[in-house]
């Protein structure tokens, strides 16, 4: 086995990635950890891409041209919450635990901090997704609350955590 780490590149989500993003989120194991429903068409993702909004950043992680992960950051459109953004992320099962989420999250938080001047970044994550929760905590996200019976997964209502990362808290540490 080779000790050489695979080359993972990040790009802004574009038309060339639609098939790969569709495949990523249509994987039942990925779909069950995010709020996407299975069997979405490429048109769903094409419409999301068509929204040309500078408050939305969508990145993909690629290995040898194949989409292996995705992260989105959306700045709030509400004036009084313009200091806030929300993220959502998915990583292909075969690539989980191999640094893809770390690379995606680091890139989008750099944009949030240094280009969008966001003071608060929020997310929700299923309460039993320990690997994702550990990743978010590594980047300074803290638990803010529990959403009981948040969403249906595998035919059952499941809980989710509300988490946020505040820049002023990071600076004080």
N, C-alpha and C. Protein backbone atom coordinates (compact mmCIF):
# COMPACT_ATOMS: atom_id res chain seq x y z
N UNK A 1 0.83 -1.18 0.00
CA UNK A 1 0.00 0.00 0.00
C UNK A 1 0.88 1.24 0.00
N UNK A 2 0.46 2.24 -0.75
CA UNK A 2 1.24 3.47 -0.90
C UNK A 2 1.02 4.40 0.29
N UNK A 3 2.10 5.08 0.69
CA UNK A 3 2.00 6.06 1.76
C UNK A 3 1.68 7.45 1.22
N UNK A 4 1.52 7.57 -0.09
CA UNK A 4 1.24 8.86 -0.71
C UNK A 4 -0.24 9.17 -0.54
N UNK A 5 -0.51 10.34 0.04
CA UNK A 5 -1.90 10.77 0.25
C UNK A 5 -2.54 11.10 -1.10
N UNK A 6 -3.80 10.76 -1.26
CA UNK A 6 -4.47 11.10 -2.52
C UNK A 6 -4.59 12.62 -2.68
N UNK A 7 -4.51 13.06 -3.91
CA UNK A 7 -4.63 14.49 -4.20
C UNK A 7 -6.11 14.83 -4.25
N UNK A 8 -6.50 15.74 -3.37
CA UNK A 8 -7.89 16.20 -3.32
C UNK A 8 -7.86 17.70 -3.62
N UNK A 9 -8.63 18.09 -4.63
CA UNK A 9 -8.69 19.50 -5.00
C UNK A 9 -10.09 20.03 -4.71
N UNK A 10 -10.17 21.32 -4.50
CA UNK A 10 -11.45 21.99 -4.29
C UNK A 10 -11.71 22.94 -5.45
N UNK A 11 -12.96 22.98 -5.87
CA UNK A 11 -13.38 23.90 -6.92
C UNK A 11 -14.74 24.46 -6.56
N UNK A 12 -15.05 25.60 -7.14
CA UNK A 12 -16.40 26.15 -7.02
C UNK A 12 -17.32 25.23 -7.83
N UNK A 13 -18.46 24.88 -7.26
CA UNK A 13 -19.45 24.04 -7.93
C UNK A 13 -19.87 24.70 -9.25
N UNK A 14 -19.80 23.93 -10.34
CA UNK A 14 -20.22 24.45 -11.64
C UNK A 14 -20.90 23.36 -12.45
N UNK A 15 -21.30 23.70 -13.64
CA UNK A 15 -22.06 22.80 -14.53
C UNK A 15 -21.38 21.43 -14.70
N UNK A 16 -20.06 21.41 -14.73
CA UNK A 16 -19.32 20.16 -14.93
C UNK A 16 -19.49 19.18 -13.76
N UNK A 17 -19.92 19.68 -12.61
CA UNK A 17 -20.01 18.85 -11.41
C UNK A 17 -21.42 18.31 -11.14
N UNK A 18 -22.39 18.70 -11.93
CA UNK A 18 -23.79 18.36 -11.63
C UNK A 18 -24.02 16.86 -11.55
N UNK A 19 -23.51 16.10 -12.48
CA UNK A 19 -23.69 14.64 -12.44
C UNK A 19 -23.07 14.05 -11.17
N UNK A 20 -21.88 14.53 -10.81
CA UNK A 20 -21.20 14.02 -9.63
C UNK A 20 -21.90 14.39 -8.34
N UNK A 21 -22.42 15.61 -8.25
CA UNK A 21 -23.16 16.04 -7.06
C UNK A 21 -24.45 15.23 -6.93
N UNK A 22 -25.12 15.03 -8.06
CA UNK A 22 -26.35 14.23 -8.05
C UNK A 22 -26.05 12.82 -7.54
N UNK A 23 -24.99 12.21 -8.04
CA UNK A 23 -24.61 10.87 -7.60
C UNK A 23 -24.24 10.84 -6.13
N UNK A 24 -23.51 11.87 -5.66
CA UNK A 24 -23.11 11.94 -4.25
C UNK A 24 -24.33 11.90 -3.34
N UNK A 25 -25.29 12.77 -3.59
CA UNK A 25 -26.44 12.87 -2.70
C UNK A 25 -27.51 11.82 -2.97
N UNK A 26 -27.41 11.10 -4.07
CA UNK A 26 -28.33 9.98 -4.31
C UNK A 26 -27.82 8.68 -3.69
N UNK A 27 -26.61 8.68 -3.16
CA UNK A 27 -26.11 7.52 -2.42
C UNK A 27 -26.93 7.44 -1.13
N UNK A 28 -27.64 6.34 -0.89
CA UNK A 28 -28.50 6.24 0.31
C UNK A 28 -27.76 6.50 1.61
N UNK A 29 -26.50 6.10 1.71
CA UNK A 29 -25.74 6.30 2.94
C UNK A 29 -25.44 7.79 3.16
N UNK A 30 -25.26 8.55 2.10
CA UNK A 30 -25.04 9.99 2.22
C UNK A 30 -26.37 10.69 2.46
N UNK A 31 -27.40 10.32 1.70
CA UNK A 31 -28.71 10.96 1.81
C UNK A 31 -29.28 10.82 3.23
N UNK A 32 -28.97 9.73 3.90
CA UNK A 32 -29.55 9.53 5.24
C UNK A 32 -28.92 10.45 6.29
N UNK A 33 -27.78 11.08 5.98
CA UNK A 33 -27.13 11.97 6.94
C UNK A 33 -27.34 13.45 6.62
N UNK A 34 -28.04 13.74 5.55
CA UNK A 34 -28.33 15.13 5.17
C UNK A 34 -29.83 15.26 4.95
N UNK A 35 -30.30 16.45 4.65
CA UNK A 35 -31.73 16.64 4.46
C UNK A 35 -32.19 16.47 3.01
N UNK A 36 -31.34 15.90 2.18
CA UNK A 36 -31.75 15.61 0.80
C UNK A 36 -32.60 14.35 0.78
N UNK A 37 -33.49 14.27 -0.19
CA UNK A 37 -34.22 13.02 -0.39
C UNK A 37 -33.54 12.25 -1.50
N UNK A 38 -33.65 10.93 -1.48
CA UNK A 38 -33.00 10.15 -2.54
C UNK A 38 -33.68 10.33 -3.90
N UNK A 39 -32.98 9.93 -4.92
CA UNK A 39 -33.47 9.91 -6.30
C UNK A 39 -33.77 11.30 -6.84
N UNK A 40 -32.95 12.27 -6.46
CA UNK A 40 -33.11 13.61 -7.03
C UNK A 40 -32.53 13.62 -8.44
N UNK A 41 -33.11 14.46 -9.27
CA UNK A 41 -32.64 14.58 -10.65
C UNK A 41 -31.49 15.57 -10.74
N UNK A 42 -30.81 15.51 -11.85
CA UNK A 42 -29.76 16.50 -12.09
C UNK A 42 -30.36 17.90 -12.22
N UNK A 43 -31.63 17.97 -12.62
CA UNK A 43 -32.30 19.27 -12.75
C UNK A 43 -32.40 20.00 -11.42
N UNK A 44 -32.60 19.25 -10.33
CA UNK A 44 -32.66 19.86 -9.00
C UNK A 44 -31.36 20.61 -8.74
N UNK A 45 -30.24 19.95 -9.03
CA UNK A 45 -28.93 20.57 -8.77
C UNK A 45 -28.63 21.66 -9.79
N UNK A 46 -29.09 21.52 -11.01
CA UNK A 46 -28.89 22.56 -12.02
C UNK A 46 -29.61 23.85 -11.59
N UNK A 47 -30.81 23.72 -11.02
CA UNK A 47 -31.55 24.90 -10.54
C UNK A 47 -30.82 25.56 -9.38
N UNK A 48 -30.24 24.75 -8.49
CA UNK A 48 -29.49 25.32 -7.37
C UNK A 48 -28.26 26.07 -7.87
N UNK A 49 -27.65 25.54 -8.90
CA UNK A 49 -26.47 26.17 -9.49
C UNK A 49 -26.85 27.47 -10.20
N UNK A 50 -28.02 27.51 -10.81
CA UNK A 50 -28.45 28.68 -11.59
C UNK A 50 -28.63 29.91 -10.73
N UNK A 51 -28.84 29.73 -9.44
CA UNK A 51 -29.00 30.87 -8.55
C UNK A 51 -27.67 31.59 -8.43
N UNK A 52 -27.51 32.67 -9.19
CA UNK A 52 -26.26 33.42 -9.17
C UNK A 52 -26.35 34.45 -8.05
N UNK A 53 -25.91 34.05 -6.86
CA UNK A 53 -26.06 34.87 -5.67
C UNK A 53 -24.72 34.89 -4.95
N UNK A 54 -24.14 36.07 -4.81
CA UNK A 54 -22.82 36.14 -4.18
C UNK A 54 -22.86 35.80 -2.69
N UNK A 55 -24.05 35.69 -2.10
CA UNK A 55 -24.18 35.28 -0.70
C UNK A 55 -24.13 33.76 -0.54
N UNK A 56 -24.02 33.04 -1.65
CA UNK A 56 -23.99 31.58 -1.61
C UNK A 56 -22.68 31.09 -2.21
N UNK A 57 -21.97 30.28 -1.45
CA UNK A 57 -20.72 29.67 -1.92
C UNK A 57 -20.92 28.16 -1.88
N UNK A 58 -20.70 27.51 -3.02
CA UNK A 58 -20.79 26.05 -3.10
C UNK A 58 -19.46 25.52 -3.62
N UNK A 59 -18.83 24.65 -2.83
CA UNK A 59 -17.56 24.06 -3.23
C UNK A 59 -17.72 22.56 -3.38
N UNK A 60 -16.91 21.98 -4.26
CA UNK A 60 -16.85 20.52 -4.39
C UNK A 60 -15.42 20.08 -4.13
N UNK A 61 -15.30 18.90 -3.55
CA UNK A 61 -13.99 18.24 -3.40
C UNK A 61 -13.91 17.20 -4.51
N UNK A 62 -12.76 17.17 -5.16
CA UNK A 62 -12.56 16.26 -6.30
C UNK A 62 -11.32 15.40 -6.07
N UNK A 63 -11.42 14.17 -6.51
CA UNK A 63 -10.26 13.27 -6.60
C UNK A 63 -10.26 12.71 -8.01
N UNK A 64 -9.21 13.01 -8.75
CA UNK A 64 -9.09 12.59 -10.14
C UNK A 64 -10.33 12.96 -10.95
N UNK A 65 -10.85 14.16 -10.68
CA UNK A 65 -12.00 14.67 -11.42
C UNK A 65 -13.35 14.20 -10.93
N UNK A 66 -13.38 13.29 -9.97
CA UNK A 66 -14.64 12.75 -9.45
C UNK A 66 -15.05 13.52 -8.20
N UNK A 67 -16.35 13.90 -8.13
CA UNK A 67 -16.87 14.60 -6.96
C UNK A 67 -16.92 13.63 -5.79
N UNK A 68 -16.23 14.00 -4.69
CA UNK A 68 -16.22 13.15 -3.49
C UNK A 68 -16.76 13.89 -2.27
N UNK A 69 -17.09 15.16 -2.45
CA UNK A 69 -17.64 15.93 -1.34
C UNK A 69 -18.16 17.27 -1.81
N UNK A 70 -18.98 17.87 -0.97
CA UNK A 70 -19.60 19.16 -1.29
C UNK A 70 -19.86 19.91 0.01
N UNK A 71 -19.73 21.22 -0.05
CA UNK A 71 -20.11 22.06 1.08
C UNK A 71 -20.72 23.34 0.53
N UNK A 72 -21.73 23.81 1.23
CA UNK A 72 -22.37 25.06 0.86
C UNK A 72 -22.38 26.00 2.04
N UNK A 73 -22.19 27.27 1.78
CA UNK A 73 -22.26 28.33 2.78
C UNK A 73 -23.19 29.38 2.23
N UNK A 74 -24.21 29.74 3.02
CA UNK A 74 -25.14 30.77 2.58
C UNK A 74 -25.25 31.84 3.65
N UNK A 75 -24.91 33.06 3.26
CA UNK A 75 -25.06 34.20 4.15
C UNK A 75 -26.54 34.55 4.23
N UNK A 76 -26.99 34.89 5.42
CA UNK A 76 -28.40 35.24 5.61
C UNK A 76 -28.77 36.43 4.73
N UNK A 77 -29.94 36.35 4.12
CA UNK A 77 -30.43 37.45 3.29
C UNK A 77 -31.13 38.52 4.13
N UNK A 78 -31.41 38.22 5.38
CA UNK A 78 -32.06 39.18 6.27
C UNK A 78 -31.03 40.20 6.76
N UNK A 79 -31.36 41.47 6.67
CA UNK A 79 -30.43 42.54 7.02
C UNK A 79 -29.90 42.38 8.44
N UNK A 80 -30.78 42.08 9.38
CA UNK A 80 -30.35 42.01 10.77
C UNK A 80 -29.59 40.73 11.09
N UNK A 81 -29.52 39.80 10.13
CA UNK A 81 -28.74 38.57 10.32
C UNK A 81 -27.66 38.44 9.26
N UNK A 82 -27.29 39.55 8.66
CA UNK A 82 -26.29 39.49 7.59
C UNK A 82 -24.90 39.11 8.11
N UNK A 83 -24.72 39.11 9.42
CA UNK A 83 -23.45 38.68 10.01
C UNK A 83 -23.40 37.15 10.17
N UNK A 84 -24.48 36.46 9.76
CA UNK A 84 -24.61 35.01 9.95
C UNK A 84 -24.60 34.26 8.62
N UNK A 85 -24.10 33.04 8.69
CA UNK A 85 -24.16 32.14 7.55
C UNK A 85 -24.52 30.75 8.04
N UNK A 86 -24.97 29.92 7.11
CA UNK A 86 -25.36 28.55 7.42
C UNK A 86 -24.64 27.62 6.46
N UNK A 87 -24.16 26.50 7.00
CA UNK A 87 -23.46 25.54 6.13
C UNK A 87 -24.16 24.20 6.12
N UNK A 88 -23.95 23.48 5.03
CA UNK A 88 -24.38 22.10 4.86
C UNK A 88 -23.30 21.38 4.07
N UNK A 89 -23.08 20.12 4.39
CA UNK A 89 -21.96 19.39 3.79
C UNK A 89 -22.30 17.93 3.61
N UNK A 90 -21.73 17.31 2.60
CA UNK A 90 -21.82 15.87 2.39
C UNK A 90 -20.51 15.34 1.83
N UNK A 91 -20.11 14.16 2.27
CA UNK A 91 -18.87 13.52 1.80
C UNK A 91 -19.20 12.09 1.41
N UNK A 92 -18.68 11.64 0.28
CA UNK A 92 -18.90 10.28 -0.18
C UNK A 92 -18.43 9.30 0.90
N UNK A 93 -19.17 8.22 1.07
CA UNK A 93 -18.90 7.25 2.13
C UNK A 93 -17.47 6.73 2.07
N UNK A 94 -16.99 6.42 0.89
CA UNK A 94 -15.64 5.87 0.74
C UNK A 94 -14.56 6.87 1.15
N UNK A 95 -14.91 8.16 1.24
CA UNK A 95 -13.94 9.20 1.56
C UNK A 95 -14.12 9.76 2.96
N UNK A 96 -15.09 9.29 3.69
CA UNK A 96 -15.29 9.79 5.05
C UNK A 96 -14.13 9.36 5.94
N UNK A 97 -13.71 10.26 6.82
CA UNK A 97 -12.59 9.97 7.72
C UNK A 97 -11.22 10.11 7.08
N UNK A 98 -11.17 10.69 5.86
CA UNK A 98 -9.90 10.83 5.15
C UNK A 98 -9.51 12.28 4.90
N UNK A 99 -10.12 13.20 5.63
CA UNK A 99 -9.72 14.59 5.55
C UNK A 99 -10.48 15.44 4.55
N UNK A 100 -11.43 14.86 3.85
CA UNK A 100 -12.20 15.62 2.86
C UNK A 100 -13.06 16.68 3.56
N UNK A 101 -13.77 16.28 4.60
CA UNK A 101 -14.60 17.22 5.35
C UNK A 101 -13.76 18.33 5.96
N UNK A 102 -12.60 17.98 6.47
CA UNK A 102 -11.69 18.97 7.05
C UNK A 102 -11.28 20.00 6.00
N UNK A 103 -10.92 19.53 4.84
CA UNK A 103 -10.48 20.42 3.77
C UNK A 103 -11.63 21.33 3.31
N UNK A 104 -12.82 20.77 3.14
CA UNK A 104 -13.97 21.56 2.72
C UNK A 104 -14.34 22.60 3.77
N UNK A 105 -14.40 22.18 5.02
CA UNK A 105 -14.80 23.08 6.10
C UNK A 105 -13.78 24.20 6.28
N UNK A 106 -12.50 23.88 6.23
CA UNK A 106 -11.46 24.91 6.36
C UNK A 106 -11.59 25.95 5.25
N UNK A 107 -11.84 25.50 4.04
CA UNK A 107 -11.94 26.42 2.91
C UNK A 107 -13.15 27.34 3.04
N UNK A 108 -14.28 26.78 3.41
CA UNK A 108 -15.49 27.60 3.49
C UNK A 108 -15.44 28.54 4.70
N UNK A 109 -14.81 28.12 5.78
CA UNK A 109 -14.67 29.02 6.93
C UNK A 109 -13.68 30.15 6.65
N UNK A 110 -12.68 29.88 5.83
CA UNK A 110 -11.78 30.95 5.39
C UNK A 110 -12.56 32.01 4.61
N UNK A 111 -13.44 31.56 3.74
CA UNK A 111 -14.27 32.49 2.98
C UNK A 111 -15.21 33.25 3.92
N UNK A 112 -15.83 32.52 4.86
CA UNK A 112 -16.74 33.15 5.81
C UNK A 112 -16.03 34.23 6.62
N UNK A 113 -14.83 33.94 7.08
CA UNK A 113 -14.08 34.86 7.95
C UNK A 113 -13.44 36.02 7.18
N UNK A 114 -12.80 35.70 6.08
CA UNK A 114 -11.91 36.66 5.43
C UNK A 114 -12.48 37.34 4.19
N UNK A 115 -13.59 36.85 3.69
CA UNK A 115 -14.18 37.43 2.49
C UNK A 115 -15.61 37.90 2.72
N UNK A 116 -16.34 37.23 3.60
CA UNK A 116 -17.73 37.61 3.85
C UNK A 116 -17.89 38.30 5.21
N UNK A 117 -16.83 38.27 6.02
CA UNK A 117 -16.82 38.87 7.35
C UNK A 117 -17.97 38.36 8.23
N UNK A 118 -18.27 37.09 8.12
CA UNK A 118 -19.33 36.51 8.94
C UNK A 118 -18.83 36.35 10.37
N UNK A 119 -19.65 36.70 11.31
CA UNK A 119 -19.30 36.57 12.73
C UNK A 119 -19.86 35.29 13.33
N UNK A 120 -20.87 34.73 12.68
CA UNK A 120 -21.55 33.54 13.19
C UNK A 120 -21.83 32.61 12.02
N UNK A 121 -21.41 31.35 12.16
CA UNK A 121 -21.72 30.32 11.17
C UNK A 121 -22.47 29.22 11.89
N UNK A 122 -23.63 28.87 11.36
CA UNK A 122 -24.53 27.91 11.99
C UNK A 122 -24.65 26.65 11.15
N UNK A 123 -25.07 25.58 11.81
CA UNK A 123 -25.36 24.34 11.11
C UNK A 123 -26.26 23.49 11.99
N UNK A 124 -26.88 22.51 11.37
CA UNK A 124 -27.58 21.47 12.13
C UNK A 124 -27.04 20.14 11.66
N UNK A 125 -26.95 19.20 12.60
CA UNK A 125 -26.37 17.89 12.32
C UNK A 125 -27.14 16.86 13.14
N UNK A 126 -27.38 15.71 12.55
CA UNK A 126 -28.06 14.67 13.30
C UNK A 126 -27.29 14.36 14.57
N UNK A 127 -28.01 14.24 15.66
CA UNK A 127 -27.41 14.10 16.99
C UNK A 127 -26.57 12.82 17.13
N UNK A 128 -26.79 11.83 16.27
CA UNK A 128 -26.02 10.59 16.36
C UNK A 128 -24.86 10.53 15.35
N UNK A 129 -24.61 11.62 14.64
CA UNK A 129 -23.52 11.65 13.65
C UNK A 129 -22.23 12.12 14.36
N UNK A 130 -21.67 11.22 15.14
CA UNK A 130 -20.53 11.55 16.00
C UNK A 130 -19.31 12.04 15.23
N UNK A 131 -19.05 11.46 14.07
CA UNK A 131 -17.87 11.88 13.30
C UNK A 131 -18.03 13.32 12.82
N UNK A 132 -19.19 13.68 12.33
CA UNK A 132 -19.42 15.05 11.87
C UNK A 132 -19.36 16.03 13.03
N UNK A 133 -19.97 15.67 14.15
CA UNK A 133 -19.97 16.53 15.33
C UNK A 133 -18.54 16.78 15.79
N UNK A 134 -17.72 15.74 15.81
CA UNK A 134 -16.31 15.89 16.20
C UNK A 134 -15.57 16.84 15.25
N UNK A 135 -15.85 16.72 13.95
CA UNK A 135 -15.23 17.61 12.97
C UNK A 135 -15.63 19.05 13.24
N UNK A 136 -16.90 19.29 13.44
CA UNK A 136 -17.37 20.66 13.68
C UNK A 136 -16.76 21.23 14.96
N UNK A 137 -16.68 20.43 15.99
CA UNK A 137 -16.09 20.91 17.25
C UNK A 137 -14.62 21.25 17.06
N UNK A 138 -13.93 20.49 16.23
CA UNK A 138 -12.51 20.75 15.94
C UNK A 138 -12.33 22.15 15.35
N UNK A 139 -13.35 22.65 14.66
CA UNK A 139 -13.29 23.97 14.04
C UNK A 139 -13.95 25.05 14.89
N UNK A 140 -14.25 24.74 16.15
CA UNK A 140 -14.77 25.75 17.06
C UNK A 140 -16.28 25.85 17.16
N UNK A 141 -16.99 24.94 16.51
CA UNK A 141 -18.45 24.94 16.64
C UNK A 141 -18.82 24.41 18.01
N UNK A 142 -19.86 25.00 18.58
CA UNK A 142 -20.35 24.59 19.89
C UNK A 142 -21.83 24.24 19.79
N UNK A 143 -22.26 23.30 20.65
CA UNK A 143 -23.67 22.92 20.70
C UNK A 143 -24.48 24.10 21.22
N UNK A 144 -25.61 24.35 20.59
CA UNK A 144 -26.50 25.41 21.05
C UNK A 144 -27.86 24.88 21.47
N UNK A 145 -28.22 23.73 20.96
CA UNK A 145 -29.53 23.20 21.33
C UNK A 145 -29.81 21.88 20.64
N UNK A 146 -30.87 21.26 21.10
CA UNK A 146 -31.30 19.97 20.55
C UNK A 146 -32.64 20.17 19.87
N UNK A 147 -32.72 19.79 18.60
CA UNK A 147 -33.99 19.78 17.88
C UNK A 147 -34.56 18.37 18.01
N UNK A 148 -35.60 18.22 18.81
CA UNK A 148 -36.20 16.89 18.99
C UNK A 148 -37.11 16.57 17.81
N UNK A 149 -37.10 15.30 17.40
CA UNK A 149 -37.91 14.85 16.26
C UNK A 149 -37.74 15.80 15.06
N UNK A 150 -36.53 16.11 14.74
CA UNK A 150 -36.16 17.11 13.74
C UNK A 150 -36.53 16.70 12.32
N UNK A 151 -36.25 15.44 11.97
CA UNK A 151 -36.47 15.01 10.59
C UNK A 151 -36.73 13.50 10.55
N UNK A 152 -37.31 13.07 9.46
CA UNK A 152 -37.54 11.64 9.26
C UNK A 152 -36.31 11.04 8.61
N UNK A 153 -35.82 9.97 9.19
CA UNK A 153 -34.71 9.22 8.61
C UNK A 153 -35.00 7.74 8.83
N UNK A 154 -34.95 6.98 7.78
CA UNK A 154 -35.24 5.53 7.86
C UNK A 154 -36.61 5.28 8.49
N UNK A 155 -37.56 6.17 8.21
CA UNK A 155 -38.93 5.99 8.68
C UNK A 155 -39.16 6.36 10.13
N UNK A 156 -38.16 6.96 10.80
CA UNK A 156 -38.26 7.32 12.21
C UNK A 156 -37.88 8.79 12.38
N UNK A 157 -38.53 9.47 13.32
CA UNK A 157 -38.14 10.83 13.64
C UNK A 157 -36.86 10.81 14.47
N UNK A 158 -35.88 11.62 14.08
CA UNK A 158 -34.59 11.65 14.78
C UNK A 158 -34.25 13.07 15.21
N UNK A 159 -33.40 13.16 16.21
CA UNK A 159 -32.98 14.44 16.76
C UNK A 159 -31.79 15.00 16.00
N UNK A 160 -31.64 16.31 16.08
CA UNK A 160 -30.48 16.99 15.51
C UNK A 160 -29.97 18.01 16.52
N UNK A 161 -28.69 18.34 16.38
CA UNK A 161 -28.08 19.39 17.18
C UNK A 161 -28.01 20.68 16.37
N UNK A 162 -28.22 21.77 17.05
CA UNK A 162 -27.94 23.08 16.49
C UNK A 162 -26.55 23.44 16.99
N UNK A 163 -25.66 23.79 16.07
CA UNK A 163 -24.30 24.17 16.43
C UNK A 163 -23.96 25.50 15.77
N UNK A 164 -23.08 26.24 16.38
CA UNK A 164 -22.63 27.50 15.80
C UNK A 164 -21.19 27.77 16.19
N UNK A 165 -20.54 28.54 15.35
CA UNK A 165 -19.16 29.00 15.58
C UNK A 165 -19.20 30.51 15.55
N UNK A 166 -18.78 31.12 16.67
CA UNK A 166 -18.76 32.58 16.78
C UNK A 166 -17.32 33.06 16.70
N UNK A 167 -17.03 33.98 15.80
CA UNK A 167 -15.65 34.44 15.64
C UNK A 167 -15.14 35.16 16.88
N UNK A 168 -15.95 35.91 17.57
CA UNK A 168 -15.45 36.62 18.75
C UNK A 168 -15.04 35.63 19.83
N UNK A 169 -15.70 34.49 19.91
CA UNK A 169 -15.33 33.44 20.87
C UNK A 169 -13.97 32.84 20.48
N UNK A 170 -13.75 32.66 19.18
CA UNK A 170 -12.48 32.10 18.73
C UNK A 170 -11.32 33.05 19.05
N UNK A 171 -11.54 34.34 18.88
CA UNK A 171 -10.49 35.34 19.13
C UNK A 171 -10.15 35.41 20.62
N UNK A 172 -11.15 35.21 21.48
CA UNK A 172 -10.94 35.31 22.93
C UNK A 172 -10.18 34.11 23.48
N UNK A 173 -10.20 33.00 22.77
CA UNK A 173 -9.56 31.77 23.27
C UNK A 173 -8.06 31.85 23.22
